[in-house]
């Protein structure tokens, strides 16, 4: 869980490509934590959905430019 907070604090929306890559890395970590039993399914799913939404919005914003 500390990984999630650290990444979210370091993520900058001004660098969208790097941000998207970082968010995808965060999704991978969430999946690994879930598989290791460190976080419950509901929490992992909620985090994953939130990250998917953020990635979608960043890509949409980048394509609108």
Protein backbone atom coordinates (compact mmCIF):
# COMPACT_ATOMS: atom_id res chain seq x y z
CA UNK A 1 0.00 0.00 0.00
CA UNK A 2 2.91 2.31 0.65
CA UNK A 3 3.99 1.79 -2.97
CA UNK A 4 0.66 3.16 -4.16
CA UNK A 5 0.91 6.32 -2.11
CA UNK A 6 4.52 6.89 -3.12
CA UNK A 7 3.79 6.56 -6.84
CA UNK A 8 0.72 8.78 -6.66
CA UNK A 9 2.72 11.48 -4.90
CA UNK A 10 5.48 11.30 -7.51
CA UNK A 11 3.22 11.17 -10.56
CA UNK A 12 3.14 14.36 -12.58
CA UNK A 13 0.36 14.97 -15.07
CA UNK A 14 2.63 17.25 -17.10
CA UNK A 15 4.56 14.25 -18.41
CA UNK A 16 1.67 12.10 -19.62
CA UNK A 17 3.60 9.32 -21.35
CA UNK A 18 5.81 8.71 -18.32
CA UNK A 19 2.80 9.04 -16.06
CA UNK A 20 0.89 6.40 -18.01
CA UNK A 21 3.88 4.07 -17.83
CA UNK A 22 4.18 4.66 -14.07
CA UNK A 23 0.48 3.98 -13.57
CA UNK A 24 0.73 0.74 -15.53
CA UNK A 25 3.67 -0.24 -13.31
CA UNK A 26 1.50 0.53 -10.30
CA UNK A 27 -1.21 -1.74 -11.71
CA UNK A 28 1.37 -4.51 -12.00
CA UNK A 29 2.38 -4.01 -8.37
CA UNK A 30 -1.25 -4.13 -7.26
CA UNK A 31 -1.71 -7.40 -9.14
CA UNK A 32 1.44 -8.83 -7.54
CA UNK A 33 0.33 -7.72 -4.06
CA UNK A 34 -3.09 -9.30 -4.65
CA UNK A 35 -1.55 -12.59 -5.81
CA UNK A 36 0.71 -12.59 -2.73
CA UNK A 37 -2.36 -12.12 -0.51
CA UNK A 38 -1.24 -8.71 0.74
CA UNK A 39 -4.45 -6.94 -0.29
CA UNK A 40 -8.03 -8.25 -0.58
CA UNK A 41 -9.68 -8.74 -3.97
CA UNK A 42 -12.14 -5.86 -3.49
CA UNK A 43 -9.38 -3.37 -2.71
CA UNK A 44 -7.19 -4.56 -5.57
CA UNK A 45 -10.11 -4.29 -7.96
CA UNK A 46 -11.01 -0.80 -6.77
CA UNK A 47 -7.43 0.45 -7.18
CA UNK A 48 -7.17 -1.18 -10.60
CA UNK A 49 -10.42 0.42 -11.81
CA UNK A 50 -9.31 3.84 -10.56
CA UNK A 51 -5.96 3.52 -12.31
CA UNK A 52 -7.64 2.38 -15.54
CA UNK A 53 -9.87 5.48 -15.40
CA UNK A 54 -6.90 7.79 -14.84
CA UNK A 55 -4.92 6.18 -17.69
CA UNK A 56 -7.94 6.50 -19.99
CA UNK A 57 -8.39 10.19 -19.15
CA UNK A 58 -4.69 10.93 -19.63
CA UNK A 59 -4.69 9.21 -23.03
CA UNK A 60 -7.89 11.01 -24.00
CA UNK A 61 -6.39 14.35 -22.97
CA UNK A 62 -3.21 13.61 -24.94
CA UNK A 63 -5.21 12.63 -28.06
CA UNK A 64 -7.32 15.80 -27.83
CA UNK A 65 -4.25 17.99 -28.22
